[in-house]
Amino acid sequence: MNAEQLWDTTLNPATRTLKRVTLEDAEEADLVFDELMGSEVEGRKKWIMANADKASLDI
């Protein structure tokens, strides 16, 4: 990522979003990460199918 992209996506106070992360968030993120990045394809496919409607796509 070049400096301009970093500014636009992360550092610019006018456009960045800050979120508080709690322990519960971290535990859920760990479970989702294991499901999406693990070696079990069927679990990943089920998660994607169940959550596909929540994605906002810029096509």
N, C-alpha and C. Protein backbone atom coordinates (compact mmCIF):
# COMPACT_ATOMS: atom_id res chain seq x y z
N MET A 1 0.86 -1.17 0.00
CA MET A 1 0.00 0.00 0.00
C MET A 1 0.90 1.23 0.00
N ASN A 2 0.63 2.13 -0.91
CA ASN A 2 1.45 3.34 -0.93
C ASN A 2 0.91 4.36 0.08
N ALA A 3 1.66 5.44 0.28
CA ALA A 3 1.32 6.43 1.31
C ALA A 3 -0.04 7.06 1.07
N GLU A 4 -0.39 7.34 -0.17
CA GLU A 4 -1.68 7.96 -0.48
C GLU A 4 -2.84 7.02 -0.14
N GLN A 5 -2.69 5.75 -0.47
CA GLN A 5 -3.72 4.77 -0.14
C GLN A 5 -3.86 4.61 1.37
N LEU A 6 -2.75 4.59 2.07
CA LEU A 6 -2.78 4.47 3.52
C LEU A 6 -3.51 5.65 4.14
N TRP A 7 -3.25 6.85 3.65
CA TRP A 7 -3.93 8.04 4.15
C TRP A 7 -5.43 7.94 3.88
N ASP A 8 -5.80 7.59 2.66
CA ASP A 8 -7.22 7.53 2.29
C ASP A 8 -7.99 6.48 3.07
N THR A 9 -7.38 5.34 3.33
CA THR A 9 -8.11 4.23 3.95
C THR A 9 -7.98 4.15 5.46
N THR A 10 -6.92 4.72 6.03
CA THR A 10 -6.65 4.47 7.45
C THR A 10 -6.40 5.73 8.27
N LEU A 11 -5.65 6.65 7.76
CA LEU A 11 -5.19 7.77 8.57
C LEU A 11 -6.05 9.03 8.50
N ASN A 12 -6.78 9.23 7.46
CA ASN A 12 -7.55 10.45 7.27
C ASN A 12 -8.70 10.53 8.28
N PRO A 13 -8.65 11.48 9.23
CA PRO A 13 -9.69 11.58 10.26
C PRO A 13 -11.08 11.85 9.69
N ALA A 14 -11.17 12.41 8.49
CA ALA A 14 -12.48 12.71 7.90
C ALA A 14 -13.17 11.47 7.36
N THR A 15 -12.42 10.42 7.07
CA THR A 15 -13.03 9.24 6.45
C THR A 15 -12.82 7.95 7.21
N ARG A 16 -11.95 7.93 8.20
CA ARG A 16 -11.69 6.67 8.91
C ARG A 16 -12.82 6.37 9.90
N THR A 17 -12.92 5.13 10.29
CA THR A 17 -13.90 4.68 11.26
C THR A 17 -13.16 4.01 12.41
N LEU A 18 -13.42 4.46 13.60
CA LEU A 18 -12.82 3.86 14.78
C LEU A 18 -13.87 3.01 15.48
N LYS A 19 -13.50 1.80 15.87
CA LYS A 19 -14.42 0.92 16.58
C LYS A 19 -13.73 0.37 17.82
N ARG A 20 -14.49 0.27 18.88
CA ARG A 20 -13.97 -0.32 20.11
C ARG A 20 -14.07 -1.84 19.99
N VAL A 21 -13.00 -2.51 20.30
CA VAL A 21 -12.96 -3.97 20.25
C VAL A 21 -12.94 -4.49 21.68
N THR A 22 -13.85 -5.41 21.97
CA THR A 22 -13.92 -5.99 23.31
C THR A 22 -13.42 -7.43 23.27
N LEU A 23 -13.25 -8.01 24.43
CA LEU A 23 -12.80 -9.40 24.52
C LEU A 23 -13.78 -10.32 23.81
N GLU A 24 -15.07 -10.05 23.96
CA GLU A 24 -16.08 -10.87 23.29
C GLU A 24 -15.90 -10.80 21.78
N ASP A 25 -15.60 -9.60 21.26
CA ASP A 25 -15.35 -9.44 19.82
C ASP A 25 -14.15 -10.28 19.39
N ALA A 26 -13.11 -10.27 20.21
CA ALA A 26 -11.90 -11.01 19.87
C ALA A 26 -12.16 -12.52 19.86
N GLU A 27 -12.95 -12.99 20.81
CA GLU A 27 -13.27 -14.42 20.85
C GLU A 27 -14.09 -14.83 19.63
N GLU A 28 -15.07 -14.00 19.26
CA GLU A 28 -15.88 -14.30 18.08
C GLU A 28 -15.02 -14.23 16.81
N ALA A 29 -14.14 -13.24 16.74
CA ALA A 29 -13.27 -13.11 15.58
C ALA A 29 -12.35 -14.32 15.44
N ASP A 30 -11.88 -14.84 16.56
CA ASP A 30 -11.03 -16.03 16.53
C ASP A 30 -11.79 -17.22 15.97
N LEU A 31 -13.05 -17.39 16.39
CA LEU A 31 -13.86 -18.49 15.87
C LEU A 31 -14.11 -18.34 14.38
N VAL A 32 -14.45 -17.14 13.95
CA VAL A 32 -14.70 -16.90 12.53
C VAL A 32 -13.42 -17.10 11.73
N PHE A 33 -12.30 -16.62 12.23
CA PHE A 33 -11.03 -16.79 11.54
C PHE A 33 -10.72 -18.27 11.37
N ASP A 34 -10.89 -19.06 12.42
CA ASP A 34 -10.65 -20.50 12.33
C ASP A 34 -11.56 -21.14 11.29
N GLU A 35 -12.81 -20.71 11.27
CA GLU A 35 -13.76 -21.27 10.31
C GLU A 35 -13.40 -20.90 8.87
N LEU A 36 -13.01 -19.64 8.66
CA LEU A 36 -12.74 -19.18 7.29
C LEU A 36 -11.36 -19.56 6.78
N MET A 37 -10.38 -19.66 7.67
CA MET A 37 -9.02 -19.93 7.23
C MET A 37 -8.56 -21.35 7.53
N GLY A 38 -9.40 -22.13 8.18
CA GLY A 38 -9.04 -23.49 8.54
C GLY A 38 -9.02 -24.42 7.33
N SER A 39 -8.69 -25.66 7.59
CA SER A 39 -8.56 -26.63 6.50
C SER A 39 -9.89 -27.28 6.13
N GLU A 40 -10.93 -27.03 6.90
CA GLU A 40 -12.23 -27.65 6.64
C GLU A 40 -13.04 -26.79 5.66
N VAL A 41 -13.11 -27.25 4.42
CA VAL A 41 -13.77 -26.48 3.36
C VAL A 41 -15.27 -26.38 3.58
N GLU A 42 -15.90 -27.43 4.03
CA GLU A 42 -17.36 -27.44 4.18
C GLU A 42 -17.83 -26.37 5.18
N GLY A 43 -17.13 -26.20 6.29
CA GLY A 43 -17.50 -25.18 7.26
C GLY A 43 -17.37 -23.78 6.67
N ARG A 44 -16.32 -23.56 5.89
CA ARG A 44 -16.11 -22.26 5.24
C ARG A 44 -17.23 -21.98 4.25
N LYS A 45 -17.59 -22.99 3.46
CA LYS A 45 -18.66 -22.83 2.46
C LYS A 45 -19.99 -22.50 3.14
N LYS A 46 -20.30 -23.20 4.23
CA LYS A 46 -21.55 -22.94 4.96
C LYS A 46 -21.57 -21.52 5.51
N TRP A 47 -20.43 -21.06 6.07
CA TRP A 47 -20.37 -19.71 6.63
C TRP A 47 -20.58 -18.66 5.54
N ILE A 48 -19.93 -18.85 4.41
CA ILE A 48 -20.07 -17.90 3.30
C ILE A 48 -21.51 -17.86 2.81
N MET A 49 -22.13 -19.01 2.64
CA MET A 49 -23.52 -19.06 2.17
C MET A 49 -24.46 -18.40 3.18
N ALA A 50 -24.22 -18.61 4.46
CA ALA A 50 -25.09 -18.04 5.49
C ALA A 50 -24.93 -16.53 5.63
N ASN A 51 -23.76 -15.99 5.28
CA ASN A 51 -23.48 -14.57 5.50
C ASN A 51 -23.33 -13.76 4.21
N ALA A 52 -23.54 -14.37 3.08
CA ALA A 52 -23.34 -13.68 1.80
C ALA A 52 -24.23 -12.46 1.65
N ASP A 53 -25.43 -12.51 2.19
CA ASP A 53 -26.36 -11.38 2.04
C ASP A 53 -25.97 -10.17 2.89
N LYS A 54 -25.01 -10.33 3.79
CA LYS A 54 -24.56 -9.22 4.64
C LYS A 54 -23.43 -8.41 4.01
N ALA A 55 -22.88 -8.91 2.94
CA ALA A 55 -21.74 -8.23 2.30
C ALA A 55 -22.21 -7.06 1.47
N SER A 56 -21.45 -5.97 1.52
CA SER A 56 -21.71 -4.85 0.62
C SER A 56 -20.61 -4.86 -0.43
N LEU A 57 -21.01 -5.07 -1.65
CA LEU A 57 -20.04 -5.22 -2.74
C LEU A 57 -19.97 -3.95 -3.57
N ASP A 58 -18.78 -3.62 -3.98
CA ASP A 58 -18.55 -2.48 -4.85
C ASP A 58 -18.11 -3.03 -6.20
N ILE A 59 -19.10 -3.38 -7.00
CA ILE A 59 -18.80 -4.02 -8.29
C ILE A 59 -18.94 -3.01 -9.42
